[in-house]
């Protein structure tokens, strides 16, 4: 299997016309891809052998209804006017459309009304739209947009997680699993939004990462013919224990690891760009990361975010086999 993965990644590298790439390296038992600073030209998402995935935290896309009963100025839940809500939906939809992705993981979508308003502008691209709703008033939830037919949806928030100190917890938001048929392949996209660092609970975030790792590995084994991806705001950076829990698995690849950190930074904290939004691929014979394709998508104006969000999106391409 490892030799086949090597050949897949090498073949993908040959498809990148401007990429100055070295051969994949063996590092701690996992196939790695190292890429010089030169980046390949954007691949054509209409290519039937190419899959493009993205993840994007929209930032508090609330609907026009107050569910929590606390929606005054300064409260967490916001209630935009119908006109402002419609403008925000159009702005977010334009940003998502510009990425030309086949599947998109979204975060901070409050409700079915929020998702419907956004996806209504994108029906030509994404016939499938699935919300991972927690059911809490004023919640900010995850969702998946898919450019293919819906096959299966599974939710994992009721799974019991264990912190390092032995205490029990759960996923902070739904850990949403959506199966689609895209370009003739079964594509499984997990949408995640791990515990934030506001009033931090790092043990919970680590427990989320460990559970996500186990679910991804089990799902890839259950559906060996599928392309299995994780996209989300994981609220931690490379080198942290939660990211390590995922990256240390030989069959999981954080796709942006071959890019300069500045080119995949999705959030700015104290003036410094950070990578806290991530895409992972379960390594298999069905799909391979296209080297140098991972990139953060910002507003053309040069803003650190996208479409009014404080996050940029992260996008990457994969070669289908």
Protein backbone atom coordinates (compact mmCIF):
# COMPACT_ATOMS: atom_id res chain seq x y z
CA UNK A 1 0.00 0.00 0.00
CA UNK A 2 2.80 2.41 0.91
CA UNK A 3 4.47 1.88 -2.45
CA UNK A 4 1.17 2.54 -4.24
CA UNK A 5 0.66 5.76 -2.24
CA UNK A 6 4.14 6.85 -3.25
CA UNK A 7 3.29 6.30 -6.93
CA UNK A 8 -0.02 8.17 -6.58
CA UNK A 9 1.59 11.22 -5.03
CA UNK A 10 4.39 11.19 -7.59
CA UNK A 11 1.87 11.03 -10.43
CA UNK A 12 -0.08 13.91 -8.89
CA UNK A 13 3.09 15.98 -8.70
CA UNK A 14 3.60 15.50 -12.42
CA UNK A 15 0.23 17.14 -13.06
CA UNK A 16 1.26 20.43 -11.44
CA UNK A 17 2.74 22.44 -14.32
CA UNK A 18 4.51 25.17 -12.36
CA UNK A 19 5.27 23.30 -9.16
CA UNK A 20 8.92 22.87 -8.19
CA UNK A 21 8.52 19.63 -6.23
CA UNK A 22 10.80 17.10 -4.66
CA UNK A 23 9.92 13.45 -4.36
CA UNK A 24 7.70 12.39 -1.43
CA UNK A 25 9.68 11.44 1.62
CA UNK A 26 9.19 8.70 4.18
CA UNK A 27 8.87 10.34 7.57
CA UNK A 28 7.80 8.40 10.66
CA UNK A 29 6.19 5.74 8.51
CA UNK A 30 3.92 8.08 6.55
CA UNK A 31 4.17 9.34 3.00
CA UNK A 32 4.95 13.06 3.09
CA UNK A 33 4.99 15.60 0.30
CA UNK A 34 7.46 18.49 0.41
CA UNK A 35 7.07 21.38 -2.00
CA UNK A 36 9.24 24.39 -2.67
CA UNK A 37 7.87 27.92 -2.48
CA UNK A 38 6.73 27.88 -6.13
CA UNK A 39 3.06 26.92 -6.34
CA UNK A 40 1.23 25.24 -9.18
CA UNK A 41 -1.39 27.07 -11.19
CA UNK A 42 -4.98 26.42 -10.07
CA UNK A 43 -6.27 23.12 -11.40
CA UNK A 44 -9.50 23.01 -13.37
CA UNK A 45 -12.31 21.87 -11.02
CA UNK A 46 -14.34 20.76 -14.06
CA UNK A 47 -11.78 17.99 -14.59
CA UNK A 48 -13.64 14.72 -13.85
CA UNK A 49 -10.51 13.30 -12.21
CA UNK A 50 -10.11 16.25 -9.84
CA UNK A 51 -11.92 16.82 -6.54
CA UNK A 52 -11.72 20.22 -4.86
CA UNK A 53 -12.62 20.55 -1.16
CA UNK A 54 -12.83 23.60 1.07
CA UNK A 55 -13.61 24.54 4.64
CA UNK A 56 -14.90 27.96 5.71
CA UNK A 57 -15.98 29.45 9.04
CA UNK A 58 -18.64 31.98 8.01
CA UNK A 59 -18.62 33.73 11.40
CA UNK A 60 -21.93 33.91 13.28
CA UNK A 61 -24.36 33.58 10.39
CA UNK A 62 -27.48 34.12 12.51
CA UNK A 63 -31.03 34.16 11.14
CA UNK A 64 -33.62 36.87 11.84
CA UNK A 65 -35.21 35.13 14.84
CA UNK A 66 -34.12 35.44 18.48
CA UNK A 67 -34.01 31.90 19.86
CA UNK A 68 -32.06 32.42 23.08
CA UNK A 69 -34.12 35.33 24.41
CA UNK A 70 -30.87 37.30 24.78
CA UNK A 71 -30.28 39.19 21.56
CA UNK A 72 -29.60 42.75 22.72
CA UNK A 73 -26.47 44.66 21.79
CA UNK A 74 -23.51 42.88 23.35
CA UNK A 75 -25.26 39.53 23.66
CA UNK A 76 -23.90 36.53 21.80
CA UNK A 77 -26.90 35.86 19.57
CA UNK A 78 -27.49 38.53 16.97
CA UNK A 79 -30.70 39.24 15.05
CA UNK A 80 -30.05 40.94 11.71
CA UNK A 81 -32.80 42.71 9.83
CA UNK A 82 -34.28 40.75 6.91
CA UNK A 83 -32.42 43.01 4.49
CA UNK A 84 -29.09 42.60 6.30
CA UNK A 85 -29.63 38.83 6.51
CA UNK A 86 -30.29 38.64 2.77
CA UNK A 87 -27.19 40.71 1.98
CA UNK A 88 -25.05 38.50 4.21
CA UNK A 89 -26.35 35.36 2.53
CA UNK A 90 -25.50 36.79 -0.88
CA UNK A 91 -22.02 37.83 0.28
CA UNK A 92 -21.23 34.40 1.71
CA UNK A 93 -22.66 32.64 -1.34
CA UNK A 94 -20.49 34.71 -3.68
CA UNK A 95 -17.41 33.77 -1.66
CA UNK A 96 -18.27 30.06 -1.67
CA UNK A 97 -18.98 30.17 -5.41
CA UNK A 98 -15.62 31.80 -6.10
CA UNK A 99 -13.78 28.82 -4.58
CA UNK A 100 -15.23 26.45 -7.22
CA UNK A 101 -15.09 23.55 -4.76
CA UNK A 102 -16.97 20.28 -5.19
CA UNK A 103 -17.57 19.87 -1.46
CA UNK A 104 -17.49 22.50 1.29
CA UNK A 105 -17.49 22.17 5.07
CA UNK A 106 -19.03 25.21 6.78
CA UNK A 107 -18.98 26.41 10.36
CA UNK A 108 -21.08 28.90 12.37
CA UNK A 109 -24.34 28.39 10.48
CA UNK A 110 -27.09 28.98 13.05
CA UNK A 111 -30.15 27.26 11.67
CA UNK A 112 -31.93 25.65 8.71
CA UNK A 113 -33.05 29.15 7.73
CA UNK A 114 -29.44 30.30 7.60
CA UNK A 115 -28.34 27.34 5.53
CA UNK A 116 -31.34 27.64 3.20
CA UNK A 117 -30.63 31.33 2.59
CA UNK A 118 -27.02 30.55 1.71
CA UNK A 119 -27.58 27.39 -0.32
CA UNK A 120 -30.49 28.96 -2.19
CA UNK A 121 -27.95 31.04 -4.11
CA UNK A 122 -25.87 27.97 -4.90
CA UNK A 123 -28.33 25.29 -6.03
CA UNK A 124 -26.67 25.08 -9.44
CA UNK A 125 -23.41 24.05 -7.77
CA UNK A 126 -24.59 22.28 -4.63
CA UNK A 127 -27.80 20.27 -4.85
CA UNK A 128 -26.97 18.83 -1.43
CA UNK A 129 -26.95 20.94 1.74
CA UNK A 130 -26.88 19.26 5.16
CA UNK A 131 -26.90 20.98 8.58
CA UNK A 132 -25.35 19.51 11.70
CA UNK A 133 -27.72 21.12 14.21
CA UNK A 134 -27.13 20.79 17.96
CA UNK A 135 -30.66 21.95 18.76
CA UNK A 136 -29.52 24.55 21.25
CA UNK A 137 -31.02 28.06 21.00
CA UNK A 138 -28.74 30.49 19.22
CA UNK A 139 -26.25 27.74 18.40
CA UNK A 140 -23.60 28.05 15.70
CA UNK A 141 -23.51 24.80 13.81
CA UNK A 142 -21.67 23.01 11.01
CA UNK A 143 -22.93 22.18 7.54
CA UNK A 144 -21.86 20.54 4.29
CA UNK A 145 -22.50 21.71 0.74
CA UNK A 146 -22.04 19.03 -1.89
CA UNK A 147 -21.93 19.05 -5.66
CA UNK A 148 -23.40 15.58 -5.92
CA UNK A 149 -26.17 13.26 -4.80
CA UNK A 150 -26.64 12.61 -1.09
CA UNK A 151 -26.01 8.99 -0.07
CA UNK A 152 -25.82 8.93 3.72
CA UNK A 153 -25.67 11.25 6.75
CA UNK A 154 -24.34 10.25 10.17
CA UNK A 155 -23.97 12.37 13.29
CA UNK A 156 -21.61 11.79 16.19
CA UNK A 157 -22.35 14.40 18.85
CA UNK A 158 -23.89 11.82 21.18
CA UNK A 159 -20.56 9.97 21.32
CA UNK A 160 -19.01 10.05 24.78
CA UNK A 161 -15.51 11.54 24.81
CA UNK A 162 -12.91 11.40 27.57
CA UNK A 163 -10.53 14.21 28.51
CA UNK A 164 -6.94 13.43 29.56
CA UNK A 165 -7.98 13.83 33.22
CA UNK A 166 -10.62 11.11 32.84
CA UNK A 167 -13.65 13.42 32.84
CA UNK A 168 -16.38 12.85 30.29
CA UNK A 169 -17.39 15.34 27.60
CA UNK A 170 -18.80 15.49 24.04
CA UNK A 171 -18.14 17.21 20.74
CA UNK A 172 -18.70 20.96 21.22
CA UNK A 173 -20.69 21.02 17.97
CA UNK A 174 -21.99 18.24 15.78
CA UNK A 175 -19.30 16.14 14.13
CA UNK A 176 -21.14 15.79 10.83
CA UNK A 177 -20.48 12.97 8.36
CA UNK A 178 -21.94 13.36 4.87
CA UNK A 179 -21.59 10.80 2.05
CA UNK A 180 -22.05 11.99 -1.53
CA UNK A 181 -21.58 10.68 -5.03
CA UNK A 182 -19.32 13.22 -6.75
CA UNK A 183 -17.85 12.65 -10.21
CA UNK A 184 -18.67 8.96 -9.97
CA UNK A 185 -16.92 8.46 -6.61
CA UNK A 186 -18.19 8.12 -3.09
CA UNK A 187 -16.88 11.16 -1.20
CA UNK A 188 -17.24 11.34 2.58
CA UNK A 189 -16.79 14.79 4.11
CA UNK A 190 -16.69 15.33 7.86
CA UNK A 191 -17.46 18.89 8.99
CA UNK A 192 -15.98 19.84 12.36
CA UNK A 193 -15.78 22.82 14.69
CA UNK A 194 -13.79 21.97 17.80
CA UNK A 195 -13.98 23.77 21.15
CA UNK A 196 -12.84 27.39 20.93
CA UNK A 197 -10.14 28.92 23.14
CA UNK A 198 -12.59 31.37 24.72
CA UNK A 199 -12.78 30.21 28.35
CA UNK A 200 -10.48 27.48 27.11
CA UNK A 201 -10.97 23.77 27.69
CA UNK A 202 -7.94 22.24 25.95
CA UNK A 203 -8.74 18.78 27.30
CA UNK A 204 -12.06 18.82 25.49
CA UNK A 205 -10.45 19.91 22.22
CA UNK A 206 -7.92 17.08 22.52
CA UNK A 207 -10.72 14.60 23.23
CA UNK A 208 -12.55 15.87 20.13
CA UNK A 209 -9.46 15.37 17.98
CA UNK A 210 -8.86 11.88 19.31
CA UNK A 211 -12.48 10.88 18.69
CA UNK A 212 -12.45 12.45 15.22
CA UNK A 213 -9.29 10.49 14.42
CA UNK A 214 -10.88 7.22 15.49
CA UNK A 215 -14.07 7.92 13.52
CA UNK A 216 -12.14 8.85 10.36
CA UNK A 217 -9.98 5.74 10.52
CA UNK A 218 -12.99 3.48 11.14
CA UNK A 219 -14.99 5.10 8.33
CA UNK A 220 -12.14 4.72 5.85
CA UNK A 221 -11.95 1.04 6.75
CA UNK A 222 -15.73 0.65 6.42
CA UNK A 223 -15.79 2.35 3.00
CA UNK A 224 -12.45 1.49 1.36
CA UNK A 225 -13.70 2.67 -2.03
CA UNK A 226 -14.45 6.20 -0.75
CA UNK A 227 -12.46 9.41 -0.62
CA UNK A 228 -12.61 10.40 3.06
CA UNK A 229 -11.98 14.03 4.07
CA UNK A 230 -12.21 16.13 7.22
CA UNK A 231 -12.67 19.89 6.99
CA UNK A 232 -13.18 22.31 9.81
CA UNK A 233 -12.24 25.01 12.24
CA UNK A 234 -10.24 22.92 14.70
CA UNK A 235 -9.23 25.94 16.78
CA UNK A 236 -5.63 24.83 17.11
CA UNK A 237 -2.39 25.09 15.19
CA UNK A 238 0.09 22.54 13.82
CA UNK A 239 2.25 21.20 16.62
CA UNK A 240 -0.54 21.35 19.21
CA UNK A 241 -1.73 18.15 20.94
CA UNK A 242 -5.10 18.12 19.09
CA UNK A 243 -3.43 18.47 15.68
CA UNK A 244 -0.84 15.91 16.71
CA UNK A 245 -3.59 13.42 17.57
CA UNK A 246 -4.67 13.59 13.92
CA UNK A 247 -1.32 14.06 12.18
CA UNK A 248 0.42 11.24 14.03
CA UNK A 249 -1.85 8.67 12.37
CA UNK A 250 0.04 7.21 9.37
CA UNK A 251 -3.12 7.08 7.24
CA UNK A 252 -4.19 10.72 7.79
CA UNK A 253 -2.61 13.61 5.92
CA UNK A 254 -3.01 17.30 6.81
CA UNK A 255 -2.85 18.54 3.28
CA UNK A 256 -1.47 22.03 3.95
CA UNK A 257 1.68 20.73 5.59
CA UNK A 258 3.57 21.10 2.29
CA UNK A 259 2.87 24.83 2.04
CA UNK A 260 4.59 27.82 3.65
CA UNK A 261 2.65 28.68 6.83
CA UNK A 262 1.76 32.19 5.61
CA UNK A 263 0.03 30.81 2.51
CA UNK A 264 -2.36 28.65 4.53
CA UNK A 265 -2.97 30.92 7.54
CA UNK A 266 -6.72 31.34 8.01
CA UNK A 267 -6.95 33.47 11.15
CA UNK A 268 -5.10 36.43 12.60
CA UNK A 269 -4.33 36.53 16.31
CA UNK A 270 -2.43 39.47 17.83
CA UNK A 271 -1.26 40.46 14.37
CA UNK A 272 0.07 37.03 13.45
CA UNK A 273 -1.46 34.65 10.91
CA UNK A 274 -2.38 31.23 12.23
CA UNK A 275 -3.57 28.00 10.65
CA UNK A 276 -6.58 26.89 12.67
CA UNK A 277 -8.81 25.76 9.79
CA UNK A 278 -7.70 22.45 8.36
CA UNK A 279 -8.31 19.79 5.71
CA UNK A 280 -7.32 16.16 6.28
CA UNK A 281 -7.33 13.30 3.78
CA UNK A 282 -7.49 9.63 4.64
CA UNK A 283 -4.77 8.15 2.45
CA UNK A 284 -6.16 5.51 0.11
CA UNK A 285 -5.92 4.27 -3.44
CA UNK A 286 -9.03 6.29 -4.35
CA UNK A 287 -7.59 9.77 -4.07
CA UNK A 288 -4.31 11.64 -3.62
CA UNK A 289 -3.57 15.19 -2.54
CA UNK A 290 -2.42 17.35 -5.44
CA UNK A 291 0.85 18.82 -4.15
CA UNK A 292 0.98 22.58 -3.56
CA UNK A 293 -2.77 22.97 -4.11
CA UNK A 294 -3.71 23.87 -0.51
CA UNK A 295 -4.23 27.61 -0.13
CA UNK A 296 -6.02 30.06 2.13
CA UNK A 297 -8.71 32.04 0.30
CA UNK A 298 -8.99 35.68 1.38
CA UNK A 299 -10.99 38.62 0.12
CA UNK A 300 -9.42 40.18 -2.99
CA UNK A 301 -9.11 43.41 -1.00
CA UNK A 302 -6.36 41.82 1.06
CA UNK A 303 -8.47 41.32 4.16
CA UNK A 304 -7.30 38.56 6.47
CA UNK A 305 -10.77 37.00 6.25
CA UNK A 306 -13.30 36.17 3.56
CA UNK A 307 -16.79 37.61 2.95
CA UNK A 308 -16.92 39.54 6.21
CA UNK A 309 -15.71 36.60 8.30
CA UNK A 310 -12.71 36.78 10.60
CA UNK A 311 -11.57 33.52 8.96
CA UNK A 312 -10.21 32.86 5.52
CA UNK A 313 -11.27 29.64 3.82
CA UNK A 314 -8.90 26.77 3.15
CA UNK A 315 -9.06 24.99 -0.21
CA UNK A 316 -7.21 22.01 -1.71
CA UNK A 317 -7.36 19.70 -4.73
CA UNK A 318 -7.25 15.92 -4.88
CA UNK A 319 -6.60 13.57 -7.78
CA UNK A 320 -9.31 10.89 -8.07
CA UNK A 321 -8.24 7.36 -8.92
